[in-house]
Amino acid sequence: SGTLNTATGTFTDDEGNVVATVYTSIIENGAPLTS
């Protein structure tokens, strides 16, 4: 929970701390899907 600054690509949590790594899940496509 927090924000993503689209200009800098930075995630910040609700307490104002920068979060270096955020995980999610995707539907893959192209060569990565074959891999």
PDB file of all heavy atoms in Angstrom:
ATOM      1  N   SER A   1       0.873  -1.177   0.000  1.00  0.00           N
ATOM      2  CA  SER A   1       0.000   0.000   0.000  1.00  0.00           C
ATOM      3  C   SER A   1       0.906   1.221   0.000  1.00  0.00           C
ATOM      4  O   SER A   1       1.839   1.312   0.804  1.00  0.00           O
ATOM      5  CB  SER A   1      -0.912   0.020   1.233  1.00  0.00           C
ATOM      6  OG  SER A   1      -1.868  -1.010   1.172  1.00  0.00           O
ATOM      7  N   GLY A   2       0.625   2.129  -0.914  1.00  0.00           N
ATOM      8  CA  GLY A   2       1.458   3.324  -1.024  1.00  0.00           C
ATOM      9  C   GLY A   2       1.272   3.966  -2.378  1.00  0.00           C
ATOM     10  O   GLY A   2       0.153   3.983  -2.919  1.00  0.00           O
ATOM     11  N   THR A   3       2.361   4.485  -2.936  1.00  0.00           N
ATOM     12  CA  THR A   3       2.270   5.175  -4.236  1.00  0.00           C
ATOM     13  C   THR A   3       3.407   4.742  -5.156  1.00  0.00           C
ATOM     14  O   THR A   3       4.451   4.267  -4.706  1.00  0.00           O
ATOM     15  CB  THR A   3       2.357   6.705  -4.051  1.00  0.00           C
ATOM     16  OG1 THR A   3       3.614   7.033  -3.432  1.00  0.00           O
ATOM     17  CG2 THR A   3       1.198   7.230  -3.212  1.00  0.00           C
ATOM     18  N   LEU A   4       3.155   4.918  -6.462  1.00  0.00           N
ATOM     19  CA  LEU A   4       4.194   4.743  -7.485  1.00  0.00           C
ATOM     20  C   LEU A   4       4.340   6.069  -8.214  1.00  0.00           C
ATOM     21  O   LEU A   4       3.361   6.575  -8.788  1.00  0.00           O
ATOM     22  CB  LEU A   4       3.814   3.637  -8.474  1.00  0.00           C
ATOM     23  CG  LEU A   4       4.637   3.573  -9.782  1.00  0.00           C
ATOM     24  CD1 LEU A   4       6.103   3.296  -9.496  1.00  0.00           C
ATOM     25  CD2 LEU A   4       4.066   2.518 -10.740  1.00  0.00           C
ATOM     26  N   ASN A   5       5.524   6.669  -8.162  1.00  0.00           N
ATOM     27  CA  ASN A   5       5.803   7.891  -8.912  1.00  0.00           C
ATOM     28  C   ASN A   5       6.163   7.486 -10.336  1.00  0.00           C
ATOM     29  O   ASN A   5       7.217   6.884 -10.574  1.00  0.00           O
ATOM     30  CB  ASN A   5       6.956   8.669  -8.270  1.00  0.00           C
ATOM     31  CG  ASN A   5       7.180  10.028  -8.929  1.00  0.00           C
ATOM     32  OD1 ASN A   5       7.269  10.114 -10.141  1.00  0.00           O
ATOM     33  ND2 ASN A   5       7.276  11.081  -8.112  1.00  0.00           N
ATOM     34  N   THR A   6       5.279   7.786 -11.283  1.00  0.00           N
ATOM     35  CA  THR A   6       5.494   7.319 -12.656  1.00  0.00           C
ATOM     36  C   THR A   6       6.637   8.053 -13.347  1.00  0.00           C
ATOM     37  O   THR A   6       7.177   7.567 -14.339  1.00  0.00           O
ATOM     38  CB  THR A   6       4.203   7.495 -13.485  1.00  0.00           C
ATOM     39  OG1 THR A   6       3.796   8.873 -13.462  1.00  0.00           O
ATOM     40  CG2 THR A   6       3.079   6.636 -12.922  1.00  0.00           C
ATOM     41  N   ALA A   7       7.010   9.223 -12.843  1.00  0.00           N
ATOM     42  CA  ALA A   7       8.118   9.975 -13.447  1.00  0.00           C
ATOM     43  C   ALA A   7       9.469   9.365 -13.080  1.00  0.00           C
ATOM     44  O   ALA A   7      10.380   9.271 -13.906  1.00  0.00           O
ATOM     45  CB  ALA A   7       8.064  11.437 -13.012  1.00  0.00           C
ATOM     46  N   THR A   8       9.585   8.931 -11.813  1.00  0.00           N
ATOM     47  CA  THR A   8      10.870   8.398 -11.336  1.00  0.00           C
ATOM     48  C   THR A   8      10.882   6.875 -11.238  1.00  0.00           C
ATOM     49  O   THR A   8      11.949   6.265 -11.105  1.00  0.00           O
ATOM     50  CB  THR A   8      11.204   8.974  -9.945  1.00  0.00           C
ATOM     51  OG1 THR A   8      10.182   8.562  -9.015  1.00  0.00           O
ATOM     52  CG2 THR A   8      11.260  10.490  -9.978  1.00  0.00           C
ATOM     53  N   GLY A   9       9.685   6.259 -11.289  1.00  0.00           N
ATOM     54  CA  GLY A   9       9.612   4.808 -11.147  1.00  0.00           C
ATOM     55  C   GLY A   9       9.848   4.336  -9.732  1.00  0.00           C
ATOM     56  O   GLY A   9      10.273   3.205  -9.504  1.00  0.00           O
ATOM     57  N   THR A  10       9.542   5.202  -8.744  1.00  0.00           N
ATOM     58  CA  THR A  10       9.815   4.899  -7.341  1.00  0.00           C
ATOM     59  C   THR A  10       8.540   4.514  -6.599  1.00  0.00           C
ATOM     60  O   THR A  10       7.528   5.220  -6.670  1.00  0.00           O
ATOM     61  CB  THR A  10      10.449   6.119  -6.642  1.00  0.00           C
ATOM     62  OG1 THR A  10      11.600   6.526  -7.367  1.00  0.00           O
ATOM     63  CG2 THR A  10      10.847   5.778  -5.213  1.00  0.00           C
ATOM     64  N   PHE A  11       8.620   3.383  -5.855  1.00  0.00           N
ATOM     65  CA  PHE A  11       7.524   2.972  -4.984  1.00  0.00           C
ATOM     66  C   PHE A  11       7.779   3.526  -3.575  1.00  0.00           C
ATOM     67  O   PHE A  11       8.892   3.426  -3.050  1.00  0.00           O
ATOM     68  CB  PHE A  11       7.438   1.452  -4.896  1.00  0.00           C
ATOM     69  CG  PHE A  11       6.818   0.794  -6.094  1.00  0.00           C
ATOM     70  CD1 PHE A  11       7.608   0.245  -7.097  1.00  0.00           C
ATOM     71  CD2 PHE A  11       5.438   0.717  -6.230  1.00  0.00           C
ATOM     72  CE1 PHE A  11       7.047  -0.370  -8.205  1.00  0.00           C
ATOM     73  CE2 PHE A  11       4.860   0.107  -7.339  1.00  0.00           C
ATOM     74  CZ  PHE A  11       5.663  -0.434  -8.328  1.00  0.00           C
ATOM     75  N   THR A  12       6.758   4.110  -2.959  1.00  0.00           N
ATOM     76  CA  THR A  12       6.853   4.618  -1.587  1.00  0.00           C
ATOM     77  C   THR A  12       5.672   4.087  -0.793  1.00  0.00           C
ATOM     78  O   THR A  12       4.522   4.174  -1.250  1.00  0.00           O
ATOM     79  CB  THR A  12       6.823   6.161  -1.576  1.00  0.00           C
ATOM     80  OG1 THR A  12       7.809   6.659  -2.473  1.00  0.00           O
ATOM     81  CG2 THR A  12       7.096   6.694  -0.177  1.00  0.00           C
ATOM     82  N   ASP A  13       5.947   3.511   0.409  1.00  0.00           N
ATOM     83  CA  ASP A  13       4.835   2.962   1.190  1.00  0.00           C
ATOM     84  C   ASP A  13       4.103   4.066   1.951  1.00  0.00           C
ATOM     85  O   ASP A  13       4.475   5.237   1.884  1.00  0.00           O
ATOM     86  CB  ASP A  13       5.319   1.850   2.139  1.00  0.00           C
ATOM     87  CG  ASP A  13       6.271   2.349   3.221  1.00  0.00           C
ATOM     88  OD1 ASP A  13       6.290   3.561   3.494  1.00  0.00           O
ATOM     89  OD2 ASP A  13       6.996   1.505   3.788  1.00  0.00           O
ATOM     90  N   ASP A  14       3.056   3.695   2.673  1.00  0.00           N
ATOM     91  CA  ASP A  14       2.203   4.678   3.368  1.00  0.00           C
ATOM     92  C   ASP A  14       2.952   5.462   4.440  1.00  0.00           C
ATOM     93  O   ASP A  14       2.516   6.541   4.856  1.00  0.00           O
ATOM     94  CB  ASP A  14       0.990   3.968   3.998  1.00  0.00           C
ATOM     95  CG  ASP A  14      -0.040   3.581   2.946  1.00  0.00           C
ATOM     96  OD1 ASP A  14       0.001   4.167   1.840  1.00  0.00           O
ATOM     97  OD2 ASP A  14      -0.876   2.695   3.224  1.00  0.00           O
ATOM     98  N   GLU A  15       4.072   4.923   4.896  1.00  0.00           N
ATOM     99  CA  GLU A  15       4.847   5.607   5.933  1.00  0.00           C
ATOM    100  C   GLU A  15       5.962   6.475   5.350  1.00  0.00           C
ATOM    101  O   GLU A  15       6.784   7.027   6.079  1.00  0.00           O
ATOM    102  CB  GLU A  15       5.444   4.571   6.894  1.00  0.00           C
ATOM    103  CG  GLU A  15       4.367   3.791   7.661  1.00  0.00           C
ATOM    104  CD  GLU A  15       4.958   2.672   8.504  1.00  0.00           C
ATOM    105  OE1 GLU A  15       6.203   2.534   8.500  1.00  0.00           O
ATOM    106  OE2 GLU A  15       4.183   1.951   9.146  1.00  0.00           O
ATOM    107  N   GLY A  16       5.996   6.580   4.022  1.00  0.00           N
ATOM    108  CA  GLY A  16       6.979   7.441   3.361  1.00  0.00           C
ATOM    109  C   GLY A  16       8.304   6.771   3.073  1.00  0.00           C
ATOM    110  O   GLY A  16       9.256   7.425   2.620  1.00  0.00           O
ATOM    111  N   ASN A  17       8.395   5.458   3.271  1.00  0.00           N
ATOM    112  CA  ASN A  17       9.641   4.736   3.006  1.00  0.00           C
ATOM    113  C   ASN A  17       9.683   4.268   1.550  1.00  0.00           C
ATOM    114  O   ASN A  17       8.674   3.766   1.020  1.00  0.00           O
ATOM    115  CB  ASN A  17       9.759   3.508   3.927  1.00  0.00           C
ATOM    116  CG  ASN A  17       9.748   3.899   5.398  1.00  0.00           C
ATOM    117  OD1 ASN A  17      10.447   4.833   5.800  1.00  0.00           O
ATOM    118  ND2 ASN A  17       8.934   3.197   6.192  1.00  0.00           N
ATOM    119  N   VAL A  18      10.847   4.442   0.921  1.00  0.00           N
ATOM    120  CA  VAL A  18      11.022   3.945  -0.445  1.00  0.00           C
ATOM    121  C   VAL A  18      11.132   2.428  -0.408  1.00  0.00           C
ATOM    122  O   VAL A  18      11.891   1.862   0.390  1.00  0.00           O
ATOM    123  CB  VAL A  18      12.289   4.549  -1.096  1.00  0.00           C
ATOM    124  CG1 VAL A  18      12.571   3.880  -2.447  1.00  0.00           C
ATOM    125  CG2 VAL A  18      12.129   6.046  -1.263  1.00  0.00           C
ATOM    126  N   VAL A  19      10.350   1.753  -1.260  1.00  0.00           N
ATOM    127  CA  VAL A  19      10.370   0.291  -1.344  1.00  0.00           C
ATOM    128  C   VAL A  19      11.130  -0.095  -2.613  1.00  0.00           C
ATOM    129  O   VAL A  19      10.693   0.227  -3.726  1.00  0.00           O
ATOM    130  CB  VAL A  19       8.938  -0.288  -1.368  1.00  0.00           C
ATOM    131  CG1 VAL A  19       8.973  -1.813  -1.460  1.00  0.00           C
ATOM    132  CG2 VAL A  19       8.164   0.160  -0.126  1.00  0.00           C
ATOM    133  N   ALA A  20      12.260  -0.746  -2.443  1.00  0.00           N
ATOM    134  CA  ALA A  20      13.145  -1.028  -3.584  1.00  0.00           C
ATOM    135  C   ALA A  20      12.555  -2.058  -4.543  1.00  0.00           C
ATOM    136  O   ALA A  20      12.677  -1.941  -5.768  1.00  0.00           O
ATOM    137  CB  ALA A  20      14.502  -1.509  -3.078  1.00  0.00           C
ATOM    138  N   THR A  21      11.892  -3.089  -3.992  1.00  0.00           N
ATOM    139  CA  THR A  21      11.389  -4.172  -4.845  1.00  0.00           C
ATOM    140  C   THR A  21       9.926  -4.450  -4.529  1.00  0.00           C
ATOM    141  O   THR A  21       9.560  -4.660  -3.363  1.00  0.00           O
ATOM    142  CB  THR A  21      12.201  -5.465  -4.610  1.00  0.00           C
ATOM    143  OG1 THR A  21      13.589  -5.182  -4.773  1.00  0.00           O
ATOM    144  CG2 THR A  21      11.795  -6.543  -5.604  1.00  0.00           C
ATOM    145  N   VAL A  22       9.119  -4.440  -5.598  1.00  0.00           N
ATOM    146  CA  VAL A  22       7.697  -4.752  -5.463  1.00  0.00           C
ATOM    147  C   VAL A  22       7.383  -5.889  -6.433  1.00  0.00           C
ATOM    148  O   VAL A  22       7.869  -5.895  -7.574  1.00  0.00           O
ATOM    149  CB  VAL A  22       6.822  -3.516  -5.765  1.00  0.00           C
ATOM    150  CG1 VAL A  22       5.351  -3.886  -5.818  1.00  0.00           C
ATOM    151  CG2 VAL A  22       7.056  -2.446  -4.707  1.00  0.00           C
ATOM    152  N   TYR A  23       6.575  -6.840  -5.985  1.00  0.00           N
ATOM    153  CA  TYR A  23       6.252  -8.019  -6.789  1.00  0.00           C
ATOM    154  C   TYR A  23       4.801  -7.968  -7.262  1.00  0.00           C
ATOM    155  O   TYR A  23       3.930  -7.395  -6.612  1.00  0.00           O
ATOM    156  CB  TYR A  23       6.467  -9.296  -5.965  1.00  0.00           C
ATOM    157  CG  TYR A  23       7.871  -9.468  -5.453  1.00  0.00           C
ATOM    158  CD1 TYR A  23       8.271  -8.887  -4.242  1.00  0.00           C
ATOM    159  CD2 TYR A  23       8.812 -10.192  -6.176  1.00  0.00           C
ATOM    160  CE1 TYR A  23       9.574  -9.030  -3.767  1.00  0.00           C
ATOM    161  CE2 TYR A  23      10.113 -10.343  -5.716  1.00  0.00           C
ATOM    162  CZ  TYR A  23      10.485  -9.762  -4.507  1.00  0.00           C
ATOM    163  OH  TYR A  23      11.781  -9.899  -4.058  1.00  0.00           O
ATOM    164  N   THR A  24       4.554  -8.586  -8.419  1.00  0.00           N
ATOM    165  CA  THR A  24       3.186  -8.731  -8.917  1.00  0.00           C
ATOM    166  C   THR A  24       3.135  -9.978  -9.797  1.00  0.00           C
ATOM    167  O   THR A  24       4.107 -10.745  -9.874  1.00  0.00           O
ATOM    168  CB  THR A  24       2.730  -7.476  -9.687  1.00  0.00           C
ATOM    169  OG1 THR A  24       1.331  -7.590  -9.975  1.00  0.00           O
ATOM    170  CG2 THR A  24       3.489  -7.290 -10.997  1.00  0.00           C
ATOM    171  N   SER A  25       2.021 -10.184 -10.462  1.00  0.00           N
ATOM    172  CA  SER A  25       1.908 -11.313 -11.390  1.00  0.00           C
ATOM    173  C   SER A  25       1.361 -10.798 -12.715  1.00  0.00           C
ATOM    174  O   SER A  25       0.610  -9.819 -12.751  1.00  0.00           O
ATOM    175  CB  SER A  25       0.987 -12.400 -10.822  1.00  0.00           C
ATOM    176  OG  SER A  25      -0.299 -11.862 -10.568  1.00  0.00           O
ATOM    177  N   ILE A  26       1.766 -11.457 -13.794  1.00  0.00           N
ATOM    178  CA  ILE A  26       1.397 -10.981 -15.140  1.00  0.00           C
ATOM    179  C   ILE A  26       0.961 -12.135 -16.025  1.00  0.00           C
ATOM    180  O   ILE A  26       1.253 -13.297 -15.751  1.00  0.00           O
ATOM    181  CB  ILE A  26       2.580 -10.257 -15.827  1.00  0.00           C
ATOM    182  CG1 ILE A  26       3.773 -11.223 -15.961  1.00  0.00           C
ATOM    183  CG2 ILE A  26       2.971  -9.001 -15.090  1.00  0.00           C
ATOM    184  CD1 ILE A  26       4.819 -10.775 -16.937  1.00  0.00           C
ATOM    185  N   ILE A  27       0.257 -11.777 -17.084  1.00  0.00           N
ATOM    186  CA  ILE A  27       0.003 -12.709 -18.186  1.00  0.00           C
ATOM    187  C   ILE A  27       1.142 -12.483 -19.170  1.00  0.00           C
ATOM    188  O   ILE A  27       1.314 -11.379 -19.687  1.00  0.00           O
ATOM    189  CB  ILE A  27      -1.348 -12.403 -18.878  1.00  0.00           C
ATOM    190  CG1 ILE A  27      -2.509 -12.549 -17.889  1.00  0.00           C
ATOM    191  CG2 ILE A  27      -1.539 -13.299 -20.088  1.00  0.00           C
ATOM    192  CD1 ILE A  27      -2.817 -13.953 -17.500  1.00  0.00           C
ATOM    193  N   GLU A  28       1.937 -13.512 -19.447  1.00  0.00           N
ATOM    194  CA  GLU A  28       3.111 -13.330 -20.300  1.00  0.00           C
ATOM    195  C   GLU A  28       2.747 -13.467 -21.772  1.00  0.00           C
ATOM    196  O   GLU A  28       1.673 -13.962 -22.119  1.00  0.00           O
ATOM    197  CB  GLU A  28       4.199 -14.338 -19.890  1.00  0.00           C
ATOM    198  CG  GLU A  28       5.600 -13.991 -20.348  1.00  0.00           C
ATOM    199  CD  GLU A  28       6.053 -12.577 -20.014  1.00  0.00           C
ATOM    200  OE1 GLU A  28       5.704 -11.655 -20.782  1.00  0.00           O
ATOM    201  OE2 GLU A  28       6.758 -12.389 -19.013  1.00  0.00           O
ATOM    202  N   ASN A  29       3.649 -13.027 -22.639  1.00  0.00           N
ATOM    203  CA  ASN A  29       3.393 -13.008 -24.080  1.00  0.00           C
ATOM    204  C   ASN A  29       4.726 -13.144 -24.806  1.00  0.00           C
ATOM    205  O   ASN A  29       5.789 -12.946 -24.229  1.00  0.00           O
ATOM    206  CB  ASN A  29       2.695 -11.687 -24.459  1.00  0.00           C
ATOM    207  CG  ASN A  29       2.179 -11.683 -25.884  1.00  0.00           C
ATOM    208  OD1 ASN A  29       2.153 -12.728 -26.538  1.00  0.00           O
ATOM    209  ND2 ASN A  29       1.783 -10.530 -26.386  1.00  0.00           N
ATOM    210  N   GLY A  30       4.667 -13.445 -26.117  1.00  0.00           N
ATOM    211  CA  GLY A  30       5.878 -13.455 -26.941  1.00  0.00           C
ATOM    212  C   GLY A  30       6.886 -14.517 -26.522  1.00  0.00           C
ATOM    213  O   GLY A  30       6.542 -15.547 -25.930  1.00  0.00           O
ATOM    214  N   ALA A  31       8.164 -14.261 -26.819  1.00  0.00           N
ATOM    215  CA  ALA A  31       9.230 -15.226 -26.524  1.00  0.00           C
ATOM    216  C   ALA A  31       9.297 -15.591 -25.037  1.00  0.00           C
ATOM    217  O   ALA A  31       9.550 -16.761 -24.709  1.00  0.00           O
ATOM    218  CB  ALA A  31      10.572 -14.686 -27.011  1.00  0.00           C
ATOM    219  N   PRO A  32       9.071 -14.631 -24.092  1.00  0.00           N
ATOM    220  CA  PRO A  32       9.097 -15.012 -22.678  1.00  0.00           C
ATOM    221  C   PRO A  32       8.042 -16.065 -22.317  1.00  0.00           C
ATOM    222  O   PRO A  32       8.275 -16.896 -21.441  1.00  0.00           O
ATOM    223  CB  PRO A  32       8.811 -13.687 -21.947  1.00  0.00           C
ATOM    224  CG  PRO A  32       9.293 -12.631 -22.887  1.00  0.00           C
ATOM    225  CD  PRO A  32       8.973 -13.158 -24.248  1.00  0.00           C
ATOM    226  N   LEU A  33       6.880 -16.045 -23.010  1.00  0.00           N
ATOM    227  CA  LEU A  33       5.848 -17.057 -22.753  1.00  0.00           C
ATOM    228  C   LEU A  33       6.345 -18.430 -23.196  1.00  0.00           C
ATOM    229  O   LEU A  33       6.167 -19.429 -22.493  1.00  0.00           O
ATOM    230  CB  LEU A  33       4.554 -16.691 -23.487  1.00  0.00           C
ATOM    231  CG  LEU A  33       3.385 -17.689 -23.358  1.00  0.00           C
ATOM    232  CD1 LEU A  33       2.979 -17.845 -21.896  1.00  0.00           C
ATOM    233  CD2 LEU A  33       2.190 -17.239 -24.196  1.00  0.00           C
ATOM    234  N   THR A  34       6.993 -18.484 -24.358  1.00  0.00           N
ATOM    235  CA  THR A  34       7.556 -19.747 -24.841  1.00  0.00           C
ATOM    236  C   THR A  34       8.649 -20.242 -23.894  1.00  0.00           C
ATOM    237  O   THR A  34       8.740 -21.442 -23.607  1.00  0.00           O
ATOM    238  CB  THR A  34       8.118 -19.574 -26.271  1.00  0.00           C
ATOM    239  OG1 THR A  34       7.097 -19.008 -27.106  1.00  0.00           O
ATOM    240  CG2 THR A  34       8.558 -20.896 -26.857  1.00  0.00           C
ATOM    241  N   SER A  35       9.474 -19.317 -23.391  1.00  0.00           N
ATOM    242  CA  SER A  35      10.532 -19.680 -22.432  1.00  0.00           C
ATOM    243  C   SER A  35       9.923 -20.302 -21.175  1.00  0.00           C
ATOM    244  O   SER A  35      10.416 -21.314 -20.662  1.00  0.00           O
ATOM    245  CB  SER A  35      11.352 -18.450 -22.033  1.00  0.00           C
ATOM    246  OG  SER A  35      12.104 -17.976 -23.111  1.00  0.00           O
TER     247      SER A  35
END
